[in-house]
Amino acid sequence: MGRTKKVGIVGRFGARGGSSLRKARAKIEEEAKSIYECPQCLRRAVKKFSVGVWKCSRCGFTFAGGAYKPSTKLGETVKKERDRLLKH
C-alpha cells in the first residue's frame, strides 16, 4: 500500500476524503482496535468482538459497551449516579 507512516491506519484511503475526516477516522479506529481493561478480572485483555460487544481474552467475560469503546460517557454517568444512590 505504500507510505502510511504519517497517517497510520487510514493510509489505505490515500488522498481521498480530506485530511480532517481521515484524522477523525484514524482516532476512532485506533480507539476501537485498542486493548482495554476488563471490568471483571482487571487485566488489559478486552478487545472488540463485534459492534457494541466486547470480550476479555483472559477470563472470557463478554459484555455490551459502546461501538468504539467498551464504556460510553452516558454509561459512565449512569454508573456514577447508581453508585451515588446506592451509597445513601
PDB file of N, CA and C in Angstrom:
ATOM      1  N   MET A   1       0.814  -1.191   0.000  1.00  0.00           N
ATOM      2  CA  MET A   1       0.000   0.000   0.000  1.00  0.00           C
ATOM      3  C   MET A   1       0.855   1.251   0.000  1.00  0.00           C
ATOM      4  N   GLY A   2       2.022   1.190   0.556  1.00  0.00           N
ATOM      5  CA  GLY A   2       2.852   2.370   0.432  1.00  0.00           C
ATOM      6  C   GLY A   2       3.093   3.104   1.723  1.00  0.00           C
ATOM      7  N   ARG A   3       3.238   4.409   1.602  1.00  0.00           N
ATOM      8  CA  ARG A   3       3.681   5.234   2.732  1.00  0.00           C
ATOM      9  C   ARG A   3       2.540   5.579   3.676  1.00  0.00           C
ATOM     10  N   THR A   4       2.542   4.967   4.834  1.00  0.00           N
ATOM     11  CA  THR A   4       1.493   5.256   5.818  1.00  0.00           C
ATOM     12  C   THR A   4       2.084   5.637   7.166  1.00  0.00           C
ATOM     13  N   LYS A   5       3.357   5.979   7.210  1.00  0.00           N
ATOM     14  CA  LYS A   5       3.987   6.287   8.488  1.00  0.00           C
ATOM     15  C   LYS A   5       3.320   7.489   9.170  1.00  0.00           C
ATOM     16  N   LYS A   6       3.004   8.519   8.419  1.00  0.00           N
ATOM     17  CA  LYS A   6       2.377   9.713   8.996  1.00  0.00           C
ATOM     18  C   LYS A   6       0.902   9.504   9.314  1.00  0.00           C
ATOM     19  N   VAL A   7       0.186   8.886   8.414  1.00  0.00           N
ATOM     20  CA  VAL A   7      -1.267   8.809   8.548  1.00  0.00           C
ATOM     21  C   VAL A   7      -1.745   7.554   9.248  1.00  0.00           C
ATOM     22  N   GLY A   8      -0.901   6.575   9.383  1.00  0.00           N
ATOM     23  CA  GLY A   8      -1.240   5.372  10.131  1.00  0.00           C
ATOM     24  C   GLY A   8      -2.291   4.508   9.470  1.00  0.00           C
ATOM     25  N   ILE A   9      -3.287   4.130  10.254  1.00  0.00           N
ATOM     26  CA  ILE A   9      -4.279   3.147   9.846  1.00  0.00           C
ATOM     27  C   ILE A   9      -5.140   3.605   8.665  1.00  0.00           C
ATOM     28  N   VAL A  10      -5.275   4.915   8.466  1.00  0.00           N
ATOM     29  CA  VAL A  10      -6.117   5.407   7.372  1.00  0.00           C
ATOM     30  C   VAL A  10      -5.321   5.656   6.090  1.00  0.00           C
ATOM     31  N   GLY A  11      -4.104   5.168   6.036  1.00  0.00           N
ATOM     32  CA  GLY A  11      -3.295   5.316   4.830  1.00  0.00           C
ATOM     33  C   GLY A  11      -3.900   4.605   3.635  1.00  0.00           C
ATOM     34  N   ARG A  12      -4.776   3.656   3.905  1.00  0.00           N
ATOM     35  CA  ARG A  12      -5.411   2.909   2.815  1.00  0.00           C
ATOM     36  C   ARG A  12      -6.343   3.774   1.979  1.00  0.00           C
ATOM     37  N   PHE A  13      -6.744   4.930   2.508  1.00  0.00           N
ATOM     38  CA  PHE A  13      -7.636   5.810   1.759  1.00  0.00           C
ATOM     39  C   PHE A  13      -6.897   6.728   0.799  1.00  0.00           C
ATOM     40  N   GLY A  14      -5.583   6.816   0.927  1.00  0.00           N
ATOM     41  CA  GLY A  14      -4.814   7.680   0.046  1.00  0.00           C
ATOM     42  C   GLY A  14      -5.186   9.133   0.267  1.00  0.00           C
ATOM     43  N   ALA A  15      -5.360   9.863  -0.827  1.00  0.00           N
ATOM     44  CA  ALA A  15      -5.688  11.286  -0.735  1.00  0.00           C
ATOM     45  C   ALA A  15      -7.188  11.539  -0.706  1.00  0.00           C
ATOM     46  N   ARG A  16      -7.977  10.497  -0.680  1.00  0.00           N
ATOM     47  CA  ARG A  16      -9.433  10.655  -0.731  1.00  0.00           C
ATOM     48  C   ARG A  16     -10.008  11.046   0.624  1.00  0.00           C
ATOM     49  N   GLY A  17     -11.058  11.826   0.621  1.00  0.00           N
ATOM     50  CA  GLY A  17     -11.832  12.111   1.818  1.00  0.00           C
ATOM     51  C   GLY A  17     -11.454  13.361   2.577  1.00  0.00           C
ATOM     52  N   GLY A  18     -10.302  13.909   2.354  1.00  0.00           N
ATOM     53  CA  GLY A  18      -9.909  15.105   3.081  1.00  0.00           C
ATOM     54  C   GLY A  18      -9.185  14.772   4.369  1.00  0.00           C
ATOM     55  N   SER A  19      -8.254  15.635   4.757  1.00  0.00           N
ATOM     56  CA  SER A  19      -7.399  15.336   5.901  1.00  0.00           C
ATOM     57  C   SER A  19      -8.152  15.325   7.226  1.00  0.00           C
ATOM     58  N   SER A  20      -9.108  16.245   7.419  1.00  0.00           N
ATOM     59  CA  SER A  20      -9.818  16.294   8.706  1.00  0.00           C
ATOM     60  C   SER A  20     -10.636  15.029   8.923  1.00  0.00           C
ATOM     61  N   LEU A  21     -11.305  14.565   7.884  1.00  0.00           N
ATOM     62  CA  LEU A  21     -12.127  13.364   8.022  1.00  0.00           C
ATOM     63  C   LEU A  21     -11.260  12.136   8.257  1.00  0.00           C
ATOM     64  N   ARG A  22     -10.114  12.081   7.580  1.00  0.00           N
ATOM     65  CA  ARG A  22      -9.213  10.953   7.779  1.00  0.00           C
ATOM     66  C   ARG A  22      -8.614  10.962   9.185  1.00  0.00           C
ATOM     67  N   LYS A  23      -8.297  12.136   9.714  1.00  0.00           N
ATOM     68  CA  LYS A  23      -7.769  12.217  11.082  1.00  0.00           C
ATOM     69  C   LYS A  23      -8.817  11.766  12.093  1.00  0.00           C
ATOM     70  N   ALA A  24     -10.061  12.177  11.889  1.00  0.00           N
ATOM     71  CA  ALA A  24     -11.144  11.769  12.782  1.00  0.00           C
ATOM     72  C   ALA A  24     -11.351  10.261  12.708  1.00  0.00           C
ATOM     73  N   ARG A  25     -11.310   9.726  11.513  1.00  0.00           N
ATOM     74  CA  ARG A  25     -11.487   8.279  11.317  1.00  0.00           C
ATOM     75  C   ARG A  25     -10.340   7.508  11.971  1.00  0.00           C
ATOM     76  N   ALA A  26      -9.113   8.050  11.854  1.00  0.00           N
ATOM     77  CA  ALA A  26      -7.955   7.392  12.460  1.00  0.00           C
ATOM     78  C   ALA A  26      -8.125   7.302  13.968  1.00  0.00           C
ATOM     79  N   LYS A  27      -8.595   8.372  14.595  1.00  0.00           N
ATOM     80  CA  LYS A  27      -8.794   8.387  16.038  1.00  0.00           C
ATOM     81  C   LYS A  27      -9.819   7.331  16.454  1.00  0.00           C
ATOM     82  N   ILE A  28     -10.920   7.261  15.719  1.00  0.00           N
ATOM     83  CA  ILE A  28     -11.979   6.301  16.026  1.00  0.00           C
ATOM     84  C   ILE A  28     -11.474   4.870  15.861  1.00  0.00           C
ATOM     85  N   GLU A  29     -10.779   4.599  14.769  1.00  0.00           N
ATOM     86  CA  GLU A  29     -10.314   3.236  14.518  1.00  0.00           C
ATOM     87  C   GLU A  29      -9.245   2.813  15.510  1.00  0.00           C
ATOM     88  N   GLU A  30      -8.381   3.728  15.921  1.00  0.00           N
ATOM     89  CA  GLU A  30      -7.368   3.386  16.912  1.00  0.00           C
ATOM     90  C   GLU A  30      -8.007   3.071  18.263  1.00  0.00           C
ATOM     91  N   GLU A  31      -9.059   3.817  18.629  1.00  0.00           N
ATOM     92  CA  GLU A  31      -9.787   3.525  19.866  1.00  0.00           C
ATOM     93  C   GLU A  31     -10.437   2.152  19.801  1.00  0.00           C
ATOM     94  N   ALA A  32     -11.038   1.836  18.654  1.00  0.00           N
ATOM     95  CA  ALA A  32     -11.759   0.572  18.511  1.00  0.00           C
ATOM     96  C   ALA A  32     -10.811  -0.626  18.531  1.00  0.00           C
ATOM     97  N   LYS A  33      -9.595  -0.464  18.044  1.00  0.00           N
ATOM     98  CA  LYS A  33      -8.657  -1.586  17.967  1.00  0.00           C
ATOM     99  C   LYS A  33      -7.716  -1.670  19.158  1.00  0.00           C
ATOM    100  N   SER A  34      -7.869  -0.772  20.133  1.00  0.00           N
ATOM    101  CA  SER A  34      -7.031  -0.791  21.326  1.00  0.00           C
ATOM    102  C   SER A  34      -7.429  -1.936  22.250  1.00  0.00           C
ATOM    103  N   ILE A  35      -6.558  -2.207  23.211  1.00  0.00           N
ATOM    104  CA  ILE A  35      -6.840  -3.212  24.231  1.00  0.00           C
ATOM    105  C   ILE A  35      -7.185  -2.474  25.517  1.00  0.00           C
ATOM    106  N   TYR A  36      -8.291  -2.884  26.163  1.00  0.00           N
ATOM    107  CA  TYR A  36      -8.791  -2.199  27.339  1.00  0.00           C
ATOM    108  C   TYR A  36      -8.759  -3.109  28.564  1.00  0.00           C
ATOM    109  N   GLU A  37      -9.009  -2.521  29.721  1.00  0.00           N
ATOM    110  CA  GLU A  37      -9.019  -3.264  30.978  1.00  0.00           C
ATOM    111  C   GLU A  37     -10.360  -3.959  31.169  1.00  0.00           C
ATOM    112  N   CYS A  38     -10.296  -5.202  31.594  1.00  0.00           N
ATOM    113  CA  CYS A  38     -11.502  -5.997  31.829  1.00  0.00           C
ATOM    114  C   CYS A  38     -12.163  -5.548  33.140  1.00  0.00           C
ATOM    115  N   PRO A  39     -13.482  -5.323  33.144  1.00  0.00           N
ATOM    116  CA  PRO A  39     -14.156  -4.910  34.371  1.00  0.00           C
ATOM    117  C   PRO A  39     -14.265  -6.036  35.402  1.00  0.00           C
ATOM    118  N   GLN A  40     -14.053  -7.272  34.980  1.00  0.00           N
ATOM    119  CA  GLN A  40     -14.184  -8.392  35.905  1.00  0.00           C
ATOM    120  C   GLN A  40     -12.833  -8.830  36.480  1.00  0.00           C
ATOM    121  N   CYS A  41     -11.848  -9.098  35.612  1.00  0.00           N
ATOM    122  CA  CYS A  41     -10.556  -9.593  36.108  1.00  0.00           C
ATOM    123  C   CYS A  41      -9.498  -8.488  36.197  1.00  0.00           C
ATOM    124  N   LEU A  42      -9.824  -7.279  35.729  1.00  0.00           N
ATOM    125  CA  LEU A  42      -8.956  -6.098  35.799  1.00  0.00           C
ATOM    126  C   LEU A  42      -7.627  -6.250  35.049  1.00  0.00           C
ATOM    127  N   ARG A  43      -7.592  -7.107  34.056  1.00  0.00           N
ATOM    128  CA  ARG A  43      -6.407  -7.253  33.209  1.00  0.00           C
ATOM    129  C   ARG A  43      -6.643  -6.519  31.896  1.00  0.00           C
ATOM    130  N   ARG A  44      -5.569  -6.099  31.258  1.00  0.00           N
ATOM    131  CA  ARG A  44      -5.694  -5.437  29.959  1.00  0.00           C
ATOM    132  C   ARG A  44      -5.805  -6.512  28.878  1.00  0.00           C
ATOM    133  N   ALA A  45      -7.024  -6.983  28.642  1.00  0.00           N
ATOM    134  CA  ALA A  45      -7.222  -8.075  27.701  1.00  0.00           C
ATOM    135  C   ALA A  45      -8.545  -7.981  26.951  1.00  0.00           C
ATOM    136  N   VAL A  46      -9.219  -6.837  27.024  1.00  0.00           N
ATOM    137  CA  VAL A  46     -10.526  -6.692  26.383  1.00  0.00           C
ATOM    138  C   VAL A  46     -10.349  -6.161  24.967  1.00  0.00           C
ATOM    139  N   LYS A  47     -10.944  -6.880  24.024  1.00  0.00           N
ATOM    140  CA  LYS A  47     -10.909  -6.460  22.625  1.00  0.00           C
ATOM    141  C   LYS A  47     -12.335  -6.453  22.079  1.00  0.00           C
ATOM    142  N   LYS A  48     -12.519  -5.720  21.016  1.00  0.00           N
ATOM    143  CA  LYS A  48     -13.832  -5.628  20.375  1.00  0.00           C
ATOM    144  C   LYS A  48     -14.147  -6.944  19.686  1.00  0.00           C
ATOM    145  N   PHE A  49     -15.320  -7.486  19.977  1.00  0.00           N
ATOM    146  CA  PHE A  49     -15.757  -8.750  19.395  1.00  0.00           C
ATOM    147  C   PHE A  49     -16.632  -8.494  18.175  1.00  0.00           C
ATOM    148  N   SER A  50     -17.563  -7.559  18.306  1.00  0.00           N
ATOM    149  CA  SER A  50     -18.382  -7.068  17.202  1.00  0.00           C
ATOM    150  C   SER A  50     -18.906  -5.705  17.631  1.00  0.00           C
ATOM    151  N   VAL A  51     -19.811  -5.120  16.870  1.00  0.00           N
ATOM    152  CA  VAL A  51     -20.276  -3.773  17.183  1.00  0.00           C
ATOM    153  C   VAL A  51     -20.988  -3.763  18.532  1.00  0.00           C
ATOM    154  N   GLY A  52     -20.405  -3.064  19.498  1.00  0.00           N
ATOM    155  CA  GLY A  52     -21.002  -2.942  20.819  1.00  0.00           C
ATOM    156  C   GLY A  52     -20.788  -4.133  21.727  1.00  0.00           C
ATOM    157  N   VAL A  53     -20.070  -5.164  21.273  1.00  0.00           N
ATOM    158  CA  VAL A  53     -19.819  -6.348  22.087  1.00  0.00           C
ATOM    159  C   VAL A  53     -18.320  -6.456  22.309  1.00  0.00           C
ATOM    160  N   TRP A  54     -17.912  -6.571  23.577  1.00  0.00           N
ATOM    161  CA  TRP A  54     -16.508  -6.618  23.965  1.00  0.00           C
ATOM    162  C   TRP A  54     -16.257  -7.902  24.728  1.00  0.00           C
ATOM    163  N   LYS A  55     -15.059  -8.480  24.545  1.00  0.00           N
ATOM    164  CA  LYS A  55     -14.752  -9.767  25.164  1.00  0.00           C
ATOM    165  C   LYS A  55     -13.342  -9.753  25.730  1.00  0.00           C
ATOM    166  N   CYS A  56     -13.209 -10.274  26.941  1.00  0.00           N
ATOM    167  CA  CYS A  56     -11.899 -10.405  27.573  1.00  0.00           C
ATOM    168  C   CYS A  56     -11.285 -11.721  27.112  1.00  0.00           C
ATOM    169  N   SER A  57     -10.102 -11.648  26.537  1.00  0.00           N
ATOM    170  CA  SER A  57      -9.459 -12.865  26.057  1.00  0.00           C
ATOM    171  C   SER A  57      -8.861 -13.672  27.206  1.00  0.00           C
ATOM    172  N   ARG A  58      -8.742 -13.069  28.363  1.00  0.00           N
ATOM    173  CA  ARG A  58      -8.141 -13.738  29.517  1.00  0.00           C
ATOM    174  C   ARG A  58      -9.173 -14.579  30.284  1.00  0.00           C
ATOM    175  N   CYS A  59     -10.279 -13.928  30.699  1.00  0.00           N
ATOM    176  CA  CYS A  59     -11.268 -14.645  31.514  1.00  0.00           C
ATOM    177  C   CYS A  59     -12.527 -15.030  30.726  1.00  0.00           C
ATOM    178  N   GLY A  60     -12.654 -14.540  29.500  1.00  0.00           N
ATOM    179  CA  GLY A  60     -13.803 -14.900  28.673  1.00  0.00           C
ATOM    180  C   GLY A  60     -15.046 -14.071  28.941  1.00  0.00           C
ATOM    181  N   PHE A  61     -14.952 -13.062  29.783  1.00  0.00           N
ATOM    182  CA  PHE A  61     -16.096 -12.208  30.119  1.00  0.00           C
ATOM    183  C   PHE A  61     -16.525 -11.420  28.884  1.00  0.00           C
ATOM    184  N   THR A  62     -17.795 -11.518  28.511  1.00  0.00           N
ATOM    185  CA  THR A  62     -18.350 -10.805  27.366  1.00  0.00           C
ATOM    186  C   THR A  62     -19.384  -9.822  27.881  1.00  0.00           C
ATOM    187  N   PHE A  63     -19.319  -8.594  27.372  1.00  0.00           N
ATOM    188  CA  PHE A  63     -20.253  -7.575  27.847  1.00  0.00           C
ATOM    189  C   PHE A  63     -20.545  -6.587  26.725  1.00  0.00           C
ATOM    190  N   ALA A  64     -21.623  -5.831  26.922  1.00  0.00           N
ATOM    191  CA  ALA A  64     -22.028  -4.817  25.958  1.00  0.00           C
ATOM    192  C   ALA A  64     -21.402  -3.487  26.335  1.00  0.00           C
ATOM    193  N   GLY A  65     -21.032  -2.732  25.325  1.00  0.00           N
ATOM    194  CA  GLY A  65     -20.447  -1.418  25.544  1.00  0.00           C
ATOM    195  C   GLY A  65     -20.735  -0.534  24.358  1.00  0.00           C
ATOM    196  N   GLY A  66     -19.887   0.442  24.149  1.00  0.00           N
ATOM    197  CA  GLY A  66     -20.058   1.330  23.017  1.00  0.00           C
ATOM    198  C   GLY A  66     -19.572   0.675  21.728  1.00  0.00           C
ATOM    199  N   ALA A  67     -19.807   1.329  20.623  1.00  0.00           N
ATOM    200  CA  ALA A  67     -19.395   0.788  19.331  1.00  0.00           C
ATOM    201  C   ALA A  67     -17.886   0.856  19.152  1.00  0.00           C
ATOM    202  N   TYR A  68     -17.239   1.874  19.733  1.00  0.00           N
ATOM    203  CA  TYR A  68     -15.808   2.067  19.539  1.00  0.00           C
ATOM    204  C   TYR A  68     -15.005   1.946  20.827  1.00  0.00           C
ATOM    205  N   LYS A  69     -15.663   2.035  21.983  1.00  0.00           N
ATOM    206  CA  LYS A  69     -15.003   1.922  23.281  1.00  0.00           C
ATOM    207  C   LYS A  69     -15.877   1.043  24.175  1.00  0.00           C
ATOM    208  N   PRO A  70     -15.279   0.345  25.124  1.00  0.00           N
ATOM    209  CA  PRO A  70     -16.087  -0.519  25.987  1.00  0.00           C
ATOM    210  C   PRO A  70     -17.074   0.234  26.872  1.00  0.00           C
ATOM    211  N   SER A  71     -16.775   1.476  27.199  1.00  0.00           N
ATOM    212  CA  SER A  71     -17.722   2.244  28.010  1.00  0.00           C
ATOM    213  C   SER A  71     -17.957   3.598  27.352  1.00  0.00           C
ATOM    214  N   THR A  72     -19.202   4.023  27.371  1.00  0.00           N
ATOM    215  CA  THR A  72     -19.555   5.311  26.785  1.00  0.00           C
ATOM    216  C   THR A  72     -19.664   6.352  27.893  1.00  0.00           C
ATOM    217  N   LYS A  73     -19.700   7.609  27.515  1.00  0.00           N
ATOM    218  CA  LYS A  73     -19.838   8.683  28.508  1.00  0.00           C
ATOM    219  C   LYS A  73     -21.174   8.555  29.249  1.00  0.00           C
ATOM    220  N   LEU A  74     -22.220   8.211  28.514  1.00  0.00           N
ATOM    221  CA  LEU A  74     -23.529   8.038  29.142  1.00  0.00           C
ATOM    222  C   LEU A  74     -23.502   6.881  30.132  1.00  0.00           C
ATOM    223  N   GLY A  75     -22.861   5.793  29.764  1.00  0.00           N
ATOM    224  CA  GLY A  75     -22.760   4.644  30.662  1.00  0.00           C
ATOM    225  C   GLY A  75     -22.001   4.976  31.930  1.00  0.00           C
ATOM    226  N   GLU A  76     -20.927   5.746  31.816  1.00  0.00           N
ATOM    227  CA  GLU A  76     -20.159   6.144  32.994  1.00  0.00           C
ATOM    228  C   GLU A  76     -20.979   7.054  33.897  1.00  0.00           C
ATOM    229  N   THR A  77     -21.777   7.949  33.298  1.00  0.00           N
ATOM    230  CA  THR A  77     -22.641   8.830  34.075  1.00  0.00           C
ATOM    231  C   THR A  77     -23.678   8.017  34.841  1.00  0.00           C
ATOM    232  N   VAL A  78     -24.263   7.027  34.193  1.00  0.00           N
ATOM    233  CA  VAL A  78     -25.262   6.173  34.843  1.00  0.00           C
ATOM    234  C   VAL A  78     -24.633   5.406  35.998  1.00  0.00           C
ATOM    235  N   LYS A  79     -23.423   4.875  35.809  1.00  0.00           N
ATOM    236  CA  LYS A  79     -22.743   4.144  36.890  1.00  0.00           C
ATOM    237  C   LYS A  79     -22.481   5.048  38.087  1.00  0.00           C
ATOM    238  N   LYS A  80     -22.024   6.281  37.825  1.00  0.00           N
ATOM    239  CA  LYS A  80     -21.759   7.222  38.921  1.00  0.00           C
ATOM    240  C   LYS A  80     -23.038   7.542  39.682  1.00  0.00           C
ATOM    241  N   GLU A  81     -24.125   7.759  38.946  1.00  0.00           N
ATOM    242  CA  GLU A  81     -25.394   8.087  39.571  1.00  0.00           C
ATOM    243  C   GLU A  81     -25.919   6.900  40.380  1.00  0.00           C
ATOM    244  N   ARG A  82     -25.777   5.702  39.830  1.00  0.00           N
ATOM    245  CA  ARG A  82     -26.213   4.487  40.534  1.00  0.00           C
ATOM    246  C   ARG A  82     -25.419   4.323  41.829  1.00  0.00           C
ATOM    247  N   ASP A  83     -24.099   4.498  41.748  1.00  0.00           N
ATOM    248  CA  ASP A  83     -23.258   4.368  42.944  1.00  0.00           C
ATOM    249  C   ASP A  83     -23.612   5.429  43.989  1.00  0.00           C
ATOM    250  N   ARG A  84     -23.930   6.632  43.529  1.00  0.00           N
ATOM    251  CA  ARG A  84     -24.304   7.706  44.439  1.00  0.00           C
ATOM    252  C   ARG A  84     -25.605   7.378  45.160  1.00  0.00           C
ATOM    253  N   LEU A  85     -26.574   6.833  44.404  1.00  0.00           N
ATOM    254  CA  LEU A  85     -27.877   6.497  45.010  1.00  0.00           C
ATOM    255  C   LEU A  85     -27.754   5.312  45.964  1.00  0.00           C
ATOM    256  N   LEU A  86     -26.920   4.338  45.630  1.00  0.00           N
ATOM    257  CA  LEU A  86     -26.767   3.171  46.494  1.00  0.00           C
ATOM    258  C   LEU A  86     -25.993   3.491  47.758  1.00  0.00           C
ATOM    259  N   LYS A  87     -25.153   4.522  47.690  1.00  0.00           N
ATOM    260  CA  LYS A  87     -24.330   4.907  48.835  1.00  0.00           C
ATOM    261  C   LYS A  87     -25.162   5.496  49.963  1.00  0.00           C
ATOM    262  N   HIS A  88     -26.244   6.174  49.629  1.00  0.00           N
ATOM    263  CA  HIS A  88     -27.070   6.849  50.644  1.00  0.00           C
ATOM    264  C   HIS A  88     -28.060   5.946  51.245  1.00  0.00           C
TER     265      HIS A  88
END
